Protein backbone atom coordinates (compact mmCIF):
# COMPACT_ATOMS: atom_id res chain seq x y z
CA MET A 1 34.17 -111.04 -11.45
CA SER A 2 35.69 -108.10 -9.20
CA ASP A 3 39.17 -108.27 -7.80
CA PRO A 4 38.87 -107.76 -4.13
CA TYR A 5 41.98 -106.24 -4.26
CA ALA A 6 42.85 -104.41 -7.51
CA ASP A 7 39.18 -103.19 -7.13
CA LEU A 8 40.12 -101.37 -3.39
CA ARG A 9 41.29 -98.01 -4.04
CA ARG A 10 40.82 -94.50 -2.44
CA GLU A 11 41.33 -90.95 -3.83
CA TYR A 12 43.73 -88.84 -2.28
CA ALA A 13 42.50 -85.33 -1.65
CA ASP A 14 43.58 -84.03 2.08
CA GLY A 15 46.12 -81.60 1.41
CA GLY A 16 49.14 -81.38 -0.68
CA LEU A 17 52.74 -80.63 0.34
CA ALA A 18 55.27 -77.74 -1.95
CA GLU A 19 58.62 -76.84 -1.53
CA SER A 20 57.52 -73.62 0.49
CA ASP A 21 56.42 -76.02 2.78
CA LEU A 22 59.16 -77.31 3.86
CA ALA A 23 61.65 -76.56 6.95
CA THR A 24 65.63 -76.02 6.28
CA GLU A 25 66.40 -79.79 7.44
CA PRO A 26 64.69 -83.06 7.63
CA PHE A 27 64.65 -82.77 11.45
CA ALA A 28 62.26 -79.85 11.93
CA MET A 29 60.20 -80.96 9.05
CA PHE A 30 59.88 -84.71 10.62
CA GLN A 31 58.72 -82.93 14.14
CA ARG A 32 56.03 -80.56 12.66
CA TRP A 33 54.64 -83.73 10.26
CA TYR A 34 54.82 -85.62 13.78
CA ASP A 35 53.44 -83.19 15.94
CA GLU A 36 50.18 -83.36 13.50
CA ALA A 37 50.07 -87.06 13.59
CA VAL A 38 49.70 -86.93 17.22
CA ALA A 39 47.57 -84.27 17.35
CA ALA A 40 45.25 -85.96 14.69
CA ASP A 41 45.21 -88.97 17.68
CA LEU A 42 46.38 -91.20 15.19
CA TYR A 43 46.60 -94.74 16.77
CA GLU A 44 50.49 -95.23 17.98
CA PRO A 45 51.97 -92.70 15.78
CA ASN A 46 55.66 -93.35 16.91
CA ALA A 47 54.95 -96.75 15.01
CA MET A 48 57.74 -97.12 12.37
CA VAL A 49 58.79 -99.93 10.37
CA VAL A 50 62.77 -100.74 10.61
CA ALA A 51 63.80 -102.54 7.26
CA SER A 52 67.30 -104.57 7.43
CA VAL A 53 69.44 -106.68 5.49
CA SER A 54 70.93 -109.96 6.52
CA THR A 55 74.61 -110.42 5.07
CA ASP A 56 73.52 -113.08 2.33
CA GLY A 57 71.14 -109.92 1.25
CA GLN A 58 67.87 -111.19 2.52
CA PRO A 59 65.96 -107.68 3.32
CA SER A 60 63.39 -107.99 6.35
CA ALA A 61 61.38 -105.56 7.83
CA ARG A 62 58.70 -105.23 11.34
CA MET A 63 57.31 -102.70 13.20
CA VAL A 64 59.06 -101.26 16.21
CA LEU A 65 58.10 -98.17 18.57
CA LEU A 66 59.98 -94.72 18.16
CA LYS A 67 62.01 -94.13 21.89
CA GLY A 68 63.84 -90.71 20.96
CA PHE A 69 64.01 -88.19 18.02
CA SER A 70 67.17 -85.50 17.57
CA GLU A 71 69.12 -84.31 15.07
CA GLU A 72 71.57 -87.01 15.78
CA GLY A 73 68.48 -89.44 14.29
CA TRP A 74 65.76 -91.74 15.20
CA VAL A 75 66.23 -93.88 18.37
CA PHE A 76 64.60 -97.67 19.11
CA PHE A 77 65.44 -100.39 21.48
CA THR A 78 65.34 -104.09 21.15
CA ASN A 79 67.01 -107.46 21.67
CA LEU A 80 70.54 -107.20 20.17
CA GLY A 81 70.24 -110.97 19.52
CA SER A 82 67.16 -110.71 17.56
CA ARG A 83 67.05 -110.72 13.79
CA LYS A 84 67.37 -107.15 13.57
CA GLY A 85 69.35 -106.54 15.89
CA ALA A 86 72.47 -109.20 14.48
CA GLU A 87 71.31 -107.82 11.14
CA LEU A 88 72.12 -104.02 12.07
CA LEU A 89 75.41 -105.01 13.84
CA ALA A 90 76.64 -106.88 10.77
CA ASN A 91 75.26 -104.05 8.56
CA PRO A 92 74.08 -100.92 10.00
CA ARG A 93 72.73 -99.37 6.36
CA CYS A 94 68.49 -99.73 7.04
CA HIS A 95 65.42 -98.09 6.10
CA LEU A 96 62.95 -96.45 8.58
CA LEU A 97 59.23 -95.81 7.62
CA PHE A 98 56.34 -94.13 9.28
CA PRO A 99 53.26 -94.80 7.27
CA TRP A 100 50.78 -92.43 8.83
CA HIS A 101 47.79 -93.72 6.61
CA PRO A 102 44.86 -91.47 8.00
CA LEU A 103 46.73 -88.56 7.24
CA GLU A 104 47.86 -89.83 3.62
CA ARG A 105 51.44 -88.84 4.81
CA GLN A 106 54.47 -91.42 4.87
CA VAL A 107 57.53 -90.51 5.90
CA ARG A 108 60.67 -92.79 4.45
CA ILE A 109 64.07 -92.13 5.88
CA ASP A 110 67.37 -93.91 4.41
CA GLY A 111 69.87 -94.37 7.30
CA VAL A 112 72.61 -95.98 9.43
CA ALA A 113 72.19 -97.75 12.86
CA SER A 114 74.67 -97.43 15.50
CA GLU A 115 74.46 -99.09 18.70
CA LEU A 116 73.25 -96.84 21.57
CA PRO A 117 75.74 -96.11 24.66
CA ARG A 118 74.89 -98.44 27.60
CA VAL A 119 73.90 -95.83 30.11
CA ASP A 120 70.88 -95.08 27.60
CA VAL A 121 70.12 -97.99 27.11
CA GLU A 122 70.06 -98.63 31.16
CA ALA A 123 68.07 -95.25 31.62
CA TYR A 124 65.36 -96.45 29.09
CA PHE A 125 65.14 -99.69 30.64
CA ALA A 126 64.39 -98.77 34.16
CA SER A 127 61.61 -96.59 32.45
CA ARG A 128 59.73 -99.34 31.11
CA PRO A 129 56.69 -101.27 33.13
CA ARG A 130 57.72 -104.19 35.14
CA GLY A 131 56.19 -106.69 33.42
CA ALA A 132 57.96 -105.27 29.97
CA ARG A 133 61.22 -105.41 31.91
CA LEU A 134 60.54 -109.27 33.21
CA GLY A 135 59.58 -109.67 29.31
CA ALA A 136 63.17 -109.05 28.37
CA HIS A 137 64.63 -111.79 30.23
CA ALA A 138 62.36 -114.03 29.63
CA SER A 139 61.86 -113.40 25.54
CA HIS A 140 64.87 -114.79 23.61
CA GLN A 141 63.55 -112.32 20.77
CA SER A 142 63.69 -114.18 17.40
CA HIS A 143 64.63 -117.42 18.63
CA GLU A 144 62.43 -120.85 18.37
CA VAL A 145 60.52 -121.62 21.55
CA GLY A 146 58.50 -124.78 22.19
CA SER A 147 54.87 -123.33 23.10
CA ARG A 148 53.61 -120.73 24.95
CA ALA A 149 53.57 -121.97 28.00
CA GLU A 150 57.43 -122.07 27.70
CA LEU A 151 57.35 -118.18 27.41
CA GLU A 152 54.96 -117.55 30.46
CA ASP A 153 57.20 -119.93 32.74
CA ALA A 154 60.52 -118.33 32.06
CA TRP A 155 58.57 -115.20 32.65
CA ALA A 156 57.37 -116.38 36.26
CA ALA A 157 60.85 -117.56 36.72
CA ALA A 158 62.32 -113.77 36.16
CA ASP A 159 59.43 -112.48 38.56
CA THR A 160 60.75 -114.81 41.08
CA SER A 161 64.24 -114.05 40.54
CA TYR A 162 64.18 -110.26 40.62
CA PRO A 163 61.45 -109.05 43.27
CA ASP A 164 62.95 -105.55 43.20
CA VAL A 165 65.21 -104.43 40.79
CA VAL A 166 65.34 -105.93 37.26
CA PRO A 167 68.39 -105.59 35.53
CA VAL A 168 69.21 -105.03 31.91
CA PRO A 169 69.58 -108.25 30.25
CA GLY A 170 72.80 -108.80 28.35
CA GLU A 171 71.50 -108.96 24.94
CA TRP A 172 69.27 -105.93 25.29
CA GLY A 173 70.57 -102.61 23.76
CA GLY A 174 69.18 -99.95 21.09
CA PHE A 175 70.20 -98.37 18.45
CA ARG A 176 69.79 -94.61 16.88
CA VAL A 177 69.92 -94.02 12.93
CA ALA A 178 71.40 -91.05 11.65
CA PRO A 179 69.47 -90.33 8.34
CA GLU A 180 71.49 -89.69 4.77
CA ALA A 181 67.87 -89.54 3.24
CA VAL A 182 64.33 -88.40 4.50
CA GLU A 183 61.30 -88.44 1.60
CA PHE A 184 58.22 -86.85 2.81
CA TRP A 185 55.13 -88.35 0.89
CA GLN A 186 51.76 -86.59 0.51
CA GLY A 187 48.63 -88.22 -1.28
CA ARG A 188 47.36 -86.28 -3.96
CA PRO A 189 44.41 -86.75 -6.51
CA GLY A 190 44.98 -88.93 -9.43
CA ARG A 191 47.85 -90.70 -7.98
CA LEU A 192 49.78 -87.66 -8.84
CA HIS A 193 51.64 -87.77 -5.35
CA ASP A 194 53.72 -85.31 -3.48
CA ARG A 195 57.44 -86.63 -3.10
CA LEU A 196 59.76 -84.34 -1.43
CA VAL A 197 63.25 -85.81 -0.50
CA TYR A 198 66.42 -84.13 1.53
CA ARG A 199 69.15 -85.56 0.41
CA ARG A 200 72.70 -84.81 2.77
CA THR A 201 75.45 -83.01 1.19
CA GLY A 202 78.63 -82.46 2.23
CA THR A 203 77.71 -78.64 3.59
CA GLY A 204 73.90 -79.41 4.72
CA TRP A 205 70.99 -80.76 2.86
CA ALA A 206 69.62 -80.42 -0.59
CA THR A 207 65.45 -81.09 -1.77
CA HIS A 208 64.64 -82.93 -4.25
CA ARG A 209 60.73 -83.67 -5.63
CA LEU A 210 60.72 -87.14 -6.90
CA ALA A 211 58.08 -88.08 -9.70
CA PRO A 212 54.99 -90.23 -7.89
């Protein structure tokens, strides 16, 4: 009898990644691949997995949306009292993953998270739709709630409390992840995938090929 999981496979053959294709540093390379993901009309190309680790060594991962990128790192916003927020504040070492499956690509980032300045948090929060700003007040992320109705009542209460300007909740913030290593993964036939990684050195970046 066939196994619906083990028998599910696809041959990767859309392209390759050679050392000569790499930019001199990972930021330009990421920007190139990100632009290609956008041009390919991928659904939410800025969706990324953020993996963190608790103080007792339990890992956890979740999807968030990338909201900024520069040579300083990758930026996202969250409730600082959430599981990821609390874990990153206690242990800033983390991992990011961009799973661009339609392009047979992944980008994997080992990095260190630092809390964003309040002025950056306030500027981004003000740009969010009103409903999302009210949701940040209504939801104490990762904490248990009694029912869906409880959440909706909290949202309605926030809507009444803030008829005009919706302030930034005290527990809301964001992180910038500065990279220590950035891997670019391209699917290839026969599972001989291309994996090229940039690793930070004392003077810049060194690149290496990893076995698939």
